Amino acid sequence: MAEKKTSRIPEILVRHEKDVLEDWLREQMAATTLRKGLMPEAELRRQSDEFLTFSSPGAAAGASRISPPPSGRRCAIFWPAPLGPA
């Protein structure tokens, strides 16, 4: 029987979360599409950290699509989506 292939993304996110966050923030701040007056850097850092924190469990559960959150959840990231067309 073929071995199920698993993603290393959850492991990388957990093991290197701080480095991933710092690299991602650096890339966001250097982006030519950044509109600096809209959000303070501290808020961008907070939201980016929150995204990584909430996406790690979903990635570990094998979620691969962004879908609406279950009722009562506050963000729509990496929840396992129903099978069928996206």
Foldseek 3Di string as FASTA:
>chain_A
DDDDDADCVLVCCVVPVVVVLVVVLVCQVPDPPDDPVPDDSVVVSVVSSVLSVVQSVLSVVVQDDFDQDDPPDDDGGNDHDDDDDD
